[in-house]
């Protein structure tokens, strides 16, 4: 079980570079077929300095860095279920940006009679210069380990 006193814990911030190749792969994977997401000329014609970050891409960047933080809280990753995510965008990130992610555990609470623990996390995302890009919200469920069986 995860200690509910982790609520309010600021996890280690991390930086991630936004790369054109990754943006193109992501756009293809999620069916974002607008040329603005894959063609620099089209992106610039639409007023962007480079390829813009498609919706939900930030969640993927955060996910890559979440495993160590969750393991540090005693979360066995094989028991984690993704429940919800949400985004509030303040600005558009683009290829070439370096983004800083600052996650905070908002709450840890029991659900379904203790069969699950729900972890709510908020992450502020900004550019290296401090300008806000987005606020991410995520809820994870951690399934309780089954009780050990007694030998027969």
N, C-alpha and C. Protein backbone atom coordinates (compact mmCIF):
# COMPACT_ATOMS: atom_id res chain seq x y z
N UNK A 1 0.84 -1.18 0.00
CA UNK A 1 0.00 0.00 0.00
C UNK A 1 0.89 1.25 0.00
N UNK A 2 0.42 2.26 -0.66
CA UNK A 2 1.15 3.51 -0.75
C UNK A 2 0.71 4.41 0.40
N UNK A 3 1.67 4.98 1.04
CA UNK A 3 1.40 5.85 2.18
C UNK A 3 0.67 7.11 1.73
N UNK A 4 -0.55 7.36 2.24
CA UNK A 4 -1.30 8.56 1.86
C UNK A 4 -0.59 9.86 2.19
N UNK A 5 0.41 9.81 3.08
CA UNK A 5 1.14 11.03 3.42
C UNK A 5 1.99 11.54 2.25
N UNK A 6 2.11 10.78 1.17
CA UNK A 6 2.81 11.26 -0.02
C UNK A 6 2.04 12.40 -0.70
N UNK A 7 0.78 12.58 -0.36
CA UNK A 7 0.02 13.69 -0.93
C UNK A 7 0.76 14.99 -0.62
N UNK A 8 0.92 15.81 -1.64
CA UNK A 8 1.65 17.06 -1.50
C UNK A 8 3.13 16.94 -1.83
N UNK A 9 3.60 15.73 -2.09
CA UNK A 9 5.01 15.52 -2.40
C UNK A 9 5.35 16.04 -3.79
N UNK A 10 6.36 16.87 -3.86
CA UNK A 10 6.89 17.33 -5.15
C UNK A 10 7.91 16.31 -5.61
N UNK A 11 7.65 15.71 -6.76
CA UNK A 11 8.59 14.76 -7.33
C UNK A 11 9.70 15.53 -8.05
N UNK A 12 10.77 14.86 -8.37
CA UNK A 12 11.89 15.51 -9.04
C UNK A 12 11.46 16.07 -10.39
N UNK A 13 11.79 17.32 -10.63
CA UNK A 13 11.53 17.93 -11.94
C UNK A 13 12.49 17.31 -12.95
N UNK A 14 12.09 17.34 -14.22
CA UNK A 14 12.96 16.83 -15.27
C UNK A 14 12.74 17.63 -16.54
N UNK A 15 13.73 17.60 -17.40
CA UNK A 15 13.65 18.32 -18.67
C UNK A 15 13.56 17.30 -19.81
N UNK A 16 12.87 17.69 -20.86
CA UNK A 16 12.74 16.84 -22.05
C UNK A 16 12.83 17.72 -23.28
N UNK A 17 13.60 17.28 -24.26
CA UNK A 17 13.72 17.99 -25.52
C UNK A 17 12.63 17.54 -26.48
N UNK A 18 12.02 18.47 -27.17
CA UNK A 18 10.99 18.16 -28.16
C UNK A 18 11.70 18.04 -29.52
N UNK A 19 11.64 16.85 -30.09
CA UNK A 19 12.36 16.56 -31.33
C UNK A 19 11.39 16.35 -32.48
N UNK A 20 11.74 16.85 -33.65
CA UNK A 20 10.87 16.73 -34.83
C UNK A 20 10.52 15.27 -35.14
N UNK A 21 11.51 14.40 -35.12
CA UNK A 21 11.25 12.99 -35.46
C UNK A 21 10.22 12.36 -34.54
N UNK A 22 10.33 12.65 -33.25
CA UNK A 22 9.36 12.11 -32.28
C UNK A 22 7.98 12.69 -32.52
N UNK A 23 7.92 13.99 -32.85
CA UNK A 23 6.62 14.61 -33.13
C UNK A 23 5.97 13.95 -34.34
N UNK A 24 6.75 13.71 -35.37
CA UNK A 24 6.20 13.06 -36.58
C UNK A 24 5.72 11.65 -36.27
N UNK A 25 6.50 10.89 -35.50
CA UNK A 25 6.08 9.53 -35.13
C UNK A 25 4.79 9.55 -34.33
N UNK A 26 4.72 10.46 -33.37
CA UNK A 26 3.54 10.56 -32.52
C UNK A 26 2.32 10.95 -33.36
N UNK A 27 2.47 11.95 -34.22
CA UNK A 27 1.36 12.39 -35.06
C UNK A 27 0.84 11.24 -35.91
N UNK A 28 1.75 10.45 -36.45
CA UNK A 28 1.35 9.29 -37.26
C UNK A 28 0.62 8.26 -36.40
N UNK A 29 1.15 8.00 -35.21
CA UNK A 29 0.57 6.98 -34.33
C UNK A 29 -0.84 7.33 -33.88
N UNK A 30 -1.11 8.62 -33.67
CA UNK A 30 -2.43 9.02 -33.17
C UNK A 30 -3.36 9.51 -34.28
N UNK A 31 -2.89 9.44 -35.53
CA UNK A 31 -3.74 9.83 -36.65
C UNK A 31 -3.91 11.33 -36.82
N UNK A 32 -2.95 12.12 -36.31
CA UNK A 32 -2.99 13.58 -36.51
C UNK A 32 -2.42 13.84 -37.90
N UNK A 33 -3.29 13.74 -38.90
CA UNK A 33 -2.82 13.76 -40.28
C UNK A 33 -2.73 15.15 -40.91
N UNK A 34 -2.95 16.20 -40.12
CA UNK A 34 -2.79 17.56 -40.61
C UNK A 34 -1.30 17.80 -40.87
N UNK A 35 -0.97 18.30 -42.04
CA UNK A 35 0.43 18.53 -42.41
C UNK A 35 1.18 19.41 -41.42
N UNK A 36 0.48 20.26 -40.70
CA UNK A 36 1.13 21.16 -39.75
C UNK A 36 1.93 20.38 -38.70
N UNK A 37 1.55 19.12 -38.43
CA UNK A 37 2.23 18.31 -37.42
C UNK A 37 3.43 17.54 -37.97
N UNK A 38 3.58 17.48 -39.28
CA UNK A 38 4.66 16.66 -39.85
C UNK A 38 5.54 17.40 -40.85
N UNK A 39 5.09 18.53 -41.36
CA UNK A 39 5.82 19.26 -42.40
C UNK A 39 6.16 20.66 -41.89
N UNK A 40 7.47 20.95 -41.78
CA UNK A 40 7.90 22.23 -41.24
C UNK A 40 7.39 23.39 -42.07
N UNK A 41 7.37 23.24 -43.40
CA UNK A 41 6.89 24.31 -44.27
C UNK A 41 5.41 24.61 -43.99
N UNK A 42 4.61 23.56 -43.84
CA UNK A 42 3.19 23.74 -43.53
C UNK A 42 3.02 24.37 -42.14
N UNK A 43 3.84 23.95 -41.18
CA UNK A 43 3.76 24.51 -39.83
C UNK A 43 4.08 26.00 -39.85
N UNK A 44 5.12 26.37 -40.58
CA UNK A 44 5.49 27.79 -40.65
C UNK A 44 4.44 28.61 -41.40
N UNK A 45 3.85 28.01 -42.43
CA UNK A 45 2.78 28.70 -43.16
C UNK A 45 1.57 28.95 -42.26
N UNK A 46 1.40 28.09 -41.25
CA UNK A 46 0.29 28.24 -40.30
C UNK A 46 0.66 29.16 -39.13
N UNK A 47 1.88 29.73 -39.16
CA UNK A 47 2.27 30.68 -38.13
C UNK A 47 3.11 30.12 -37.00
N UNK A 48 3.51 28.85 -37.11
CA UNK A 48 4.34 28.23 -36.08
C UNK A 48 5.82 28.38 -36.44
N UNK A 49 6.70 28.50 -35.45
CA UNK A 49 8.13 28.57 -35.74
C UNK A 49 8.72 27.22 -36.17
N UNK A 50 8.05 26.13 -35.82
CA UNK A 50 8.49 24.77 -36.16
C UNK A 50 7.28 23.87 -35.95
N UNK A 51 7.47 22.56 -36.02
CA UNK A 51 6.35 21.64 -35.82
C UNK A 51 5.75 21.83 -34.43
N UNK A 52 4.43 22.02 -34.34
CA UNK A 52 3.80 22.15 -33.02
C UNK A 52 3.62 20.78 -32.36
N UNK A 53 3.56 20.79 -31.05
CA UNK A 53 3.33 19.57 -30.28
C UNK A 53 1.85 19.20 -30.40
N UNK A 54 1.55 17.97 -30.88
CA UNK A 54 0.14 17.54 -30.96
C UNK A 54 -0.46 17.34 -29.56
N UNK A 55 -1.78 17.44 -29.45
CA UNK A 55 -2.43 17.17 -28.16
C UNK A 55 -2.02 15.79 -27.63
N UNK A 56 -1.86 15.68 -26.38
CA UNK A 56 -1.50 14.49 -25.59
C UNK A 56 -0.03 14.09 -25.71
N UNK A 57 0.77 14.70 -26.57
CA UNK A 57 2.19 14.36 -26.67
C UNK A 57 2.91 14.58 -25.34
N UNK A 58 2.53 15.62 -24.62
CA UNK A 58 3.18 15.92 -23.35
C UNK A 58 3.02 14.78 -22.35
N UNK A 59 1.87 14.11 -22.40
CA UNK A 59 1.64 12.97 -21.52
C UNK A 59 2.68 11.88 -21.79
N UNK A 60 2.98 11.63 -23.07
CA UNK A 60 3.99 10.63 -23.42
C UNK A 60 5.36 10.98 -22.89
N UNK A 61 5.73 12.26 -22.99
CA UNK A 61 7.02 12.68 -22.44
C UNK A 61 7.06 12.49 -20.93
N UNK A 62 5.96 12.83 -20.28
CA UNK A 62 5.92 12.67 -18.82
C UNK A 62 5.99 11.20 -18.43
N UNK A 63 5.30 10.36 -19.15
CA UNK A 63 5.25 8.94 -18.84
C UNK A 63 6.64 8.32 -18.86
N UNK A 64 7.49 8.75 -19.79
CA UNK A 64 8.84 8.21 -19.87
C UNK A 64 9.64 8.45 -18.60
N UNK A 65 9.31 9.49 -17.87
CA UNK A 65 10.08 9.86 -16.69
C UNK A 65 9.35 9.52 -15.39
N UNK A 66 8.16 8.96 -15.47
CA UNK A 66 7.35 8.70 -14.28
C UNK A 66 7.72 7.42 -13.56
N UNK A 67 8.27 6.46 -14.28
CA UNK A 67 8.51 5.14 -13.70
C UNK A 67 9.38 5.19 -12.44
N UNK A 68 10.51 5.90 -12.52
CA UNK A 68 11.41 5.96 -11.36
C UNK A 68 10.74 6.65 -10.18
N UNK A 69 10.01 7.73 -10.45
CA UNK A 69 9.33 8.45 -9.37
C UNK A 69 8.29 7.57 -8.69
N UNK A 70 7.50 6.84 -9.48
CA UNK A 70 6.49 5.96 -8.89
C UNK A 70 7.14 4.82 -8.12
N UNK A 71 8.19 4.25 -8.67
CA UNK A 71 8.89 3.18 -7.96
C UNK A 71 9.44 3.69 -6.63
N UNK A 72 9.88 4.95 -6.60
CA UNK A 72 10.37 5.54 -5.37
C UNK A 72 9.30 5.70 -4.30
N UNK A 73 8.04 5.71 -4.72
CA UNK A 73 6.92 5.79 -3.78
C UNK A 73 6.48 4.40 -3.33
N UNK A 74 7.13 3.36 -3.85
CA UNK A 74 6.76 2.00 -3.51
C UNK A 74 5.71 1.42 -4.42
N UNK A 75 5.51 2.03 -5.57
CA UNK A 75 4.50 1.54 -6.52
C UNK A 75 5.13 0.47 -7.40
N UNK A 76 4.52 -0.70 -7.41
CA UNK A 76 4.94 -1.77 -8.32
C UNK A 76 4.27 -1.49 -9.67
N UNK A 77 5.06 -1.16 -10.67
CA UNK A 77 4.52 -0.68 -11.94
C UNK A 77 3.61 -1.69 -12.64
N UNK A 78 3.81 -2.96 -12.40
CA UNK A 78 2.94 -3.97 -13.03
C UNK A 78 1.52 -3.92 -12.48
N UNK A 79 1.31 -3.19 -11.39
CA UNK A 79 0.00 -3.10 -10.76
C UNK A 79 -0.72 -1.78 -11.07
N UNK A 80 -0.12 -0.95 -11.96
CA UNK A 80 -0.66 0.38 -12.25
C UNK A 80 -1.61 0.35 -13.44
N UNK A 81 -2.74 1.03 -13.27
CA UNK A 81 -3.71 1.22 -14.35
C UNK A 81 -3.88 2.71 -14.56
N UNK A 82 -3.93 3.13 -15.81
CA UNK A 82 -4.16 4.54 -16.14
C UNK A 82 -5.66 4.79 -16.11
N UNK A 83 -6.09 5.76 -15.31
CA UNK A 83 -7.52 6.01 -15.13
C UNK A 83 -7.98 7.23 -15.91
N UNK A 84 -7.29 8.35 -15.77
CA UNK A 84 -7.71 9.55 -16.50
C UNK A 84 -6.54 10.49 -16.69
N UNK A 85 -6.68 11.36 -17.66
CA UNK A 85 -5.71 12.43 -17.87
C UNK A 85 -6.45 13.65 -18.38
N UNK A 86 -5.90 14.79 -18.11
CA UNK A 86 -6.48 16.04 -18.59
C UNK A 86 -5.37 17.05 -18.79
N UNK A 87 -5.67 18.05 -19.59
CA UNK A 87 -4.67 19.05 -19.95
C UNK A 87 -5.31 20.43 -19.94
N UNK A 88 -4.57 21.41 -19.49
CA UNK A 88 -4.92 22.81 -19.66
C UNK A 88 -3.71 23.43 -20.34
N UNK A 89 -3.91 23.89 -21.57
CA UNK A 89 -2.80 24.45 -22.34
C UNK A 89 -2.74 25.96 -22.17
N UNK A 90 -1.52 26.46 -21.97
CA UNK A 90 -1.27 27.89 -21.83
C UNK A 90 -0.54 28.44 -23.06
N UNK A 91 0.09 27.57 -23.80
CA UNK A 91 0.84 27.95 -24.99
C UNK A 91 1.21 26.71 -25.76
N UNK A 92 1.61 26.88 -26.99
CA UNK A 92 1.98 25.75 -27.84
C UNK A 92 3.49 25.54 -27.77
N UNK A 93 3.89 24.31 -27.51
CA UNK A 93 5.30 23.94 -27.57
C UNK A 93 5.61 23.50 -28.99
N UNK A 94 6.86 23.62 -29.37
CA UNK A 94 7.28 23.30 -30.73
C UNK A 94 8.57 22.49 -30.72
N UNK A 95 8.85 21.85 -31.85
CA UNK A 95 10.12 21.14 -32.02
C UNK A 95 11.24 22.12 -31.70
N UNK A 96 12.23 21.64 -30.99
CA UNK A 96 13.35 22.48 -30.60
C UNK A 96 13.23 23.04 -29.19
N UNK A 97 12.02 23.02 -28.62
CA UNK A 97 11.84 23.50 -27.25
C UNK A 97 12.41 22.49 -26.27
N UNK A 98 12.94 22.99 -25.18
CA UNK A 98 13.25 22.13 -24.04
C UNK A 98 12.18 22.43 -23.00
N UNK A 99 11.49 21.39 -22.56
CA UNK A 99 10.39 21.56 -21.61
C UNK A 99 10.80 21.04 -20.25
N UNK A 100 10.32 21.71 -19.22
CA UNK A 100 10.59 21.31 -17.84
C UNK A 100 9.26 20.85 -17.23
N UNK A 101 9.27 19.66 -16.66
CA UNK A 101 8.10 19.05 -16.04
C UNK A 101 8.30 19.07 -14.52
N UNK A 102 7.31 19.59 -13.80
CA UNK A 102 7.38 19.69 -12.34
C UNK A 102 6.15 18.98 -11.74
N UNK A 103 6.26 17.67 -11.47
CA UNK A 103 5.11 16.90 -10.97
C UNK A 103 4.94 16.97 -9.45
N UNK A 104 3.67 16.93 -9.03
CA UNK A 104 3.31 16.92 -7.61
C UNK A 104 2.23 15.86 -7.40
N UNK A 105 2.41 15.02 -6.39
CA UNK A 105 1.35 14.08 -6.00
C UNK A 105 0.30 14.88 -5.23
N UNK A 106 -0.91 14.92 -5.76
CA UNK A 106 -1.97 15.71 -5.14
C UNK A 106 -2.69 14.91 -4.05
N UNK A 107 -2.96 13.64 -4.34
CA UNK A 107 -3.66 12.83 -3.35
C UNK A 107 -3.36 11.35 -3.56
N UNK A 108 -3.51 10.61 -2.48
CA UNK A 108 -3.44 9.14 -2.50
C UNK A 108 -4.61 8.69 -1.65
N UNK A 109 -5.53 7.94 -2.27
CA UNK A 109 -6.70 7.52 -1.49
C UNK A 109 -7.14 6.13 -1.89
N UNK A 110 -7.75 5.44 -0.94
CA UNK A 110 -8.26 4.11 -1.17
C UNK A 110 -9.56 4.19 -1.97
N UNK A 111 -9.80 3.18 -2.77
CA UNK A 111 -11.01 3.10 -3.59
C UNK A 111 -11.45 1.64 -3.64
N UNK A 112 -12.74 1.44 -3.78
CA UNK A 112 -13.32 0.09 -3.85
C UNK A 112 -12.91 -0.77 -2.66
N UNK A 113 -13.10 -0.20 -1.50
CA UNK A 113 -12.83 -0.95 -0.27
C UNK A 113 -11.36 -1.30 -0.09
N UNK A 114 -10.50 -0.52 -0.69
CA UNK A 114 -9.07 -0.77 -0.56
C UNK A 114 -8.48 -1.66 -1.64
N UNK A 115 -9.32 -2.12 -2.58
CA UNK A 115 -8.82 -2.95 -3.67
C UNK A 115 -7.91 -2.15 -4.60
N UNK A 116 -8.14 -0.85 -4.62
CA UNK A 116 -7.32 0.06 -5.44
C UNK A 116 -6.90 1.24 -4.59
N UNK A 117 -5.76 1.80 -4.95
CA UNK A 117 -5.38 3.11 -4.44
C UNK A 117 -5.29 4.03 -5.63
N UNK A 118 -5.90 5.20 -5.51
CA UNK A 118 -5.87 6.18 -6.59
C UNK A 118 -4.83 7.25 -6.26
N UNK A 119 -3.95 7.48 -7.20
CA UNK A 119 -2.92 8.51 -7.07
C UNK A 119 -3.25 9.60 -8.07
N UNK A 120 -3.50 10.81 -7.57
CA UNK A 120 -3.73 11.96 -8.45
C UNK A 120 -2.45 12.77 -8.50
N UNK A 121 -2.06 13.14 -9.71
CA UNK A 121 -0.81 13.88 -9.91
C UNK A 121 -1.06 15.06 -10.83
N UNK A 122 -0.49 16.19 -10.49
CA UNK A 122 -0.55 17.41 -11.31
C UNK A 122 0.88 17.74 -11.72
N UNK A 123 1.06 18.11 -12.98
CA UNK A 123 2.39 18.44 -13.47
C UNK A 123 2.33 19.75 -14.24
N UNK A 124 3.13 20.71 -13.80
CA UNK A 124 3.27 21.98 -14.53
C UNK A 124 4.37 21.79 -15.57
N UNK A 125 4.08 22.17 -16.80
CA UNK A 125 5.05 22.07 -17.89
C UNK A 125 5.36 23.48 -18.37
N UNK A 126 6.65 23.78 -18.43
CA UNK A 126 7.07 25.11 -18.89
C UNK A 126 8.27 24.96 -19.82
N UNK A 127 8.55 26.02 -20.55
CA UNK A 127 9.77 26.06 -21.35
C UNK A 127 10.94 26.34 -20.42
N UNK A 128 12.13 26.14 -20.91
CA UNK A 128 13.33 26.38 -20.11
C UNK A 128 13.38 27.81 -19.59
N UNK A 129 12.75 28.76 -20.31
CA UNK A 129 12.75 30.17 -19.87
C UNK A 129 11.68 30.45 -18.81
N UNK A 130 10.92 29.42 -18.42
CA UNK A 130 9.90 29.57 -17.39
C UNK A 130 8.50 29.86 -17.90
N UNK A 131 8.33 30.11 -19.20
CA UNK A 131 6.99 30.40 -19.73
C UNK A 131 6.14 29.13 -19.71
N UNK A 132 4.90 29.28 -19.24
CA UNK A 132 4.00 28.14 -19.07
C UNK A 132 3.56 27.56 -20.40
N UNK A 133 3.54 26.24 -20.48
CA UNK A 133 3.05 25.53 -21.66
C UNK A 133 1.74 24.83 -21.33
N UNK A 134 1.70 24.07 -20.23
CA UNK A 134 0.49 23.31 -19.91
C UNK A 134 0.51 22.86 -18.45
N UNK A 135 -0.68 22.54 -17.95
CA UNK A 135 -0.82 21.86 -16.67
C UNK A 135 -1.46 20.52 -17.00
N UNK A 136 -0.81 19.45 -16.55
CA UNK A 136 -1.28 18.09 -16.81
C UNK A 136 -1.91 17.53 -15.53
N UNK A 137 -2.96 16.77 -15.70
CA UNK A 137 -3.63 16.10 -14.58
C UNK A 137 -3.69 14.62 -14.94
N UNK A 138 -3.38 13.78 -13.97
CA UNK A 138 -3.39 12.34 -14.22
C UNK A 138 -3.85 11.61 -12.96
N UNK A 139 -4.64 10.58 -13.15
CA UNK A 139 -5.02 9.70 -12.05
C UNK A 139 -4.61 8.29 -12.44
N UNK A 140 -3.88 7.66 -11.52
CA UNK A 140 -3.46 6.27 -11.69
C UNK A 140 -4.11 5.44 -10.60
N UNK A 141 -4.43 4.21 -10.92
CA UNK A 141 -4.92 3.26 -9.92
C UNK A 141 -3.84 2.21 -9.72
N UNK A 142 -3.59 1.88 -8.49
CA UNK A 142 -2.65 0.83 -8.15
C UNK A 142 -3.46 -0.30 -7.52
N UNK A 143 -3.44 -1.45 -8.18
CA UNK A 143 -4.19 -2.61 -7.67
C UNK A 143 -3.47 -3.19 -6.46
N UNK A 144 -4.25 -3.55 -5.45
CA UNK A 144 -3.70 -4.19 -4.27
C UNK A 144 -3.18 -5.58 -4.63
N UNK A 145 -2.08 -5.94 -4.02
CA UNK A 145 -1.55 -7.29 -4.24
C UNK A 145 -2.47 -8.29 -3.60
N UNK A 146 -2.70 -9.43 -4.27
CA UNK A 146 -3.56 -10.44 -3.66
C UNK A 146 -2.91 -10.99 -2.38
N UNK A 147 -3.76 -11.36 -1.44
CA UNK A 147 -3.25 -11.94 -0.20
C UNK A 147 -2.51 -13.23 -0.48
N UNK A 148 -1.44 -13.46 0.22
CA UNK A 148 -0.66 -14.68 0.03
C UNK A 148 -1.49 -15.87 0.54
N UNK A 149 -1.42 -16.95 -0.19
CA UNK A 149 -2.13 -18.16 0.22
C UNK A 149 -1.29 -18.91 1.25
N UNK A 150 -2.00 -19.51 2.18
CA UNK A 150 -1.30 -20.32 3.17
C UNK A 150 -1.04 -21.69 2.56
N UNK A 151 0.10 -22.28 2.92
CA UNK A 151 0.39 -23.62 2.38
C UNK A 151 -0.68 -24.63 2.81
N UNK A 152 -0.95 -25.57 1.94
CA UNK A 152 -1.98 -26.58 2.25
C UNK A 152 -1.48 -27.64 3.17
